[in-house]
Amino acid sequence: MADENRLDVQVETQEQTIIVRPVGDIDLACSPTLRSELMRVQGERFVRIVVDLSAVPYMDSSGVATLVEAMQIALRNGTRLVLCGLQDRVRSIFEIARLDSVFTIAGSQEDALTV
């Protein structure tokens, strides 16, 4: 499990989809870890990247910026980036910033694999 200064990022491949699962808070100290992993998987040219945020209880603006950058790169590469499993606190950040209308957001990882 992640501590306050560390973000664990698990990566799993399912056919043409890569699932990135950060575990822990995503803040200024930890967002570079997520960014590094998202940039690495972008180079592998999957059809879909699913970012499963079900184990992320908190995200600050640096985490949001990391996901926006990943989405922009995915669009340029012709890859679909899907977020799933947003906890209420994280979901509210996306809603307040109106990013819920910009990102594709699925309720669960299973749902994310079909959009």
Protein backbone atom coordinates (compact mmCIF):
# COMPACT_ATOMS: atom_id res chain seq x y z
CA MET A 1 0.00 0.00 0.00
CA ALA A 2 1.16 3.53 -0.70
CA ASP A 3 2.29 5.79 2.12
CA GLU A 4 1.92 9.56 2.15
CA ASN A 5 5.10 10.11 0.11
CA ARG A 6 4.75 7.28 -2.37
CA LEU A 7 2.38 6.34 -5.13
CA ASP A 8 2.30 2.77 -6.36
CA VAL A 9 1.26 2.34 -9.98
CA GLN A 10 0.17 -1.10 -11.13
CA VAL A 11 -0.01 -1.85 -14.85
CA GLU A 12 -1.89 -4.69 -16.51
CA THR A 13 -2.49 -5.53 -20.17
CA GLN A 14 -5.73 -7.03 -21.51
CA GLU A 15 -5.58 -7.56 -25.28
CA GLN A 16 -5.33 -4.08 -26.87
CA THR A 17 -6.00 -2.28 -23.58
CA ILE A 18 -3.55 -1.26 -20.90
CA ILE A 19 -4.88 -0.67 -17.40
CA VAL A 20 -2.99 1.77 -15.19
CA ARG A 21 -3.99 1.54 -11.54
CA PRO A 22 -2.46 4.13 -9.19
CA VAL A 23 -2.73 3.31 -5.49
CA GLY A 24 -2.61 6.22 -3.04
CA ASP A 25 -3.02 9.98 -3.08
CA ILE A 26 -1.97 11.81 -6.24
CA ASP A 27 -0.46 15.14 -5.23
CA LEU A 28 2.46 17.35 -6.25
CA ALA A 29 4.98 14.97 -4.69
CA CYS A 30 3.53 11.85 -6.31
CA SER A 31 2.11 12.99 -9.66
CA PRO A 32 5.51 12.63 -11.44
CA THR A 33 5.34 8.88 -10.71
CA LEU A 34 1.96 8.63 -12.44
CA ARG A 35 3.10 10.88 -15.29
CA SER A 36 6.17 8.72 -15.91
CA GLU A 37 4.09 5.55 -16.12
CA LEU A 38 1.45 7.15 -18.36
CA MET A 39 4.13 8.47 -20.73
CA ARG A 40 5.75 5.02 -20.87
CA VAL A 41 2.52 3.26 -21.80
CA GLN A 42 1.65 5.94 -24.37
CA GLY A 43 4.70 4.81 -26.33
CA GLU A 44 3.35 1.28 -26.57
CA ARG A 45 0.41 2.32 -28.78
CA PHE A 46 -2.51 0.49 -27.23
CA VAL A 47 -6.04 1.02 -28.56
CA ARG A 48 -7.26 2.00 -25.09
CA ILE A 49 -5.67 3.18 -21.86
CA VAL A 50 -7.83 2.73 -18.78
CA VAL A 51 -6.80 4.67 -15.69
CA ASP A 52 -8.49 2.96 -12.74
CA LEU A 53 -8.70 5.52 -9.94
CA SER A 54 -10.63 3.32 -7.50
CA ALA A 55 -7.64 3.24 -5.10
CA VAL A 56 -7.06 7.02 -5.23
CA PRO A 57 -8.82 8.77 -2.34
CA TYR A 58 -7.33 12.22 -3.07
CA MET A 59 -6.02 14.07 -6.11
CA ASP A 60 -4.82 17.65 -6.35
CA SER A 61 -4.45 19.87 -9.42
CA SER A 62 -1.09 18.33 -10.33
CA GLY A 63 -2.76 14.94 -10.65
CA VAL A 64 -5.54 16.42 -12.77
CA ALA A 65 -2.94 18.15 -14.98
CA THR A 66 -1.12 14.84 -15.41
CA LEU A 67 -4.32 13.18 -16.62
CA VAL A 68 -5.13 16.09 -18.96
CA GLU A 69 -1.66 15.81 -20.50
CA ALA A 70 -2.07 12.04 -20.89
CA MET A 71 -5.45 12.55 -22.56
CA GLN A 72 -4.00 15.07 -25.02
CA ILE A 73 -1.19 12.70 -25.97
CA ALA A 74 -3.62 9.79 -26.30
CA LEU A 75 -5.80 11.84 -28.66
CA ARG A 76 -2.77 12.66 -30.84
CA ASN A 77 -1.85 8.97 -30.91
CA GLY A 78 -5.37 7.83 -31.74
CA THR A 79 -5.66 6.07 -28.38
CA ARG A 80 -8.75 6.25 -26.20
CA LEU A 81 -8.08 7.23 -22.57
CA VAL A 82 -10.81 6.20 -20.13
CA LEU A 83 -10.97 6.98 -16.42
CA CYS A 84 -12.88 4.68 -14.09
CA GLY A 85 -13.59 4.06 -10.44
CA LEU A 86 -13.48 7.68 -9.32
CA GLN A 87 -14.15 8.03 -5.60
CA ASP A 88 -16.56 10.81 -4.60
CA ARG A 89 -13.84 13.26 -3.56
CA VAL A 90 -11.93 12.82 -6.83
CA ARG A 91 -15.11 12.82 -8.93
CA SER A 92 -16.14 16.16 -7.41
CA ILE A 93 -12.86 17.74 -8.57
CA PHE A 94 -13.61 16.65 -12.13
CA GLU A 95 -17.19 17.91 -11.88
CA ILE A 96 -16.23 21.31 -10.42
CA ALA A 97 -13.63 21.80 -13.15
CA ARG A 98 -16.16 20.47 -15.69
CA LEU A 99 -13.65 17.90 -16.81
CA ASP A 100 -16.29 15.21 -16.49
CA SER A 101 -17.52 16.40 -19.89
CA VAL A 102 -14.00 16.27 -21.37
CA PHE A 103 -12.86 12.86 -20.16
CA THR A 104 -14.55 9.56 -20.84
CA ILE A 105 -15.43 8.35 -17.34
CA ALA A 106 -16.77 4.87 -16.62
CA GLY A 107 -18.17 3.62 -13.33
CA SER A 108 -16.03 0.50 -13.18
CA GLN A 109 -13.04 -1.08 -14.86
CA GLU A 110 -15.37 -3.59 -16.52
CA ASP A 111 -17.42 -0.72 -18.01
CA ALA A 112 -14.24 1.08 -19.10
CA LEU A 113 -13.19 -1.92 -21.17
CA THR A 114 -16.31 -1.59 -23.32
CA VAL A 115 -16.31 2.14 -24.15
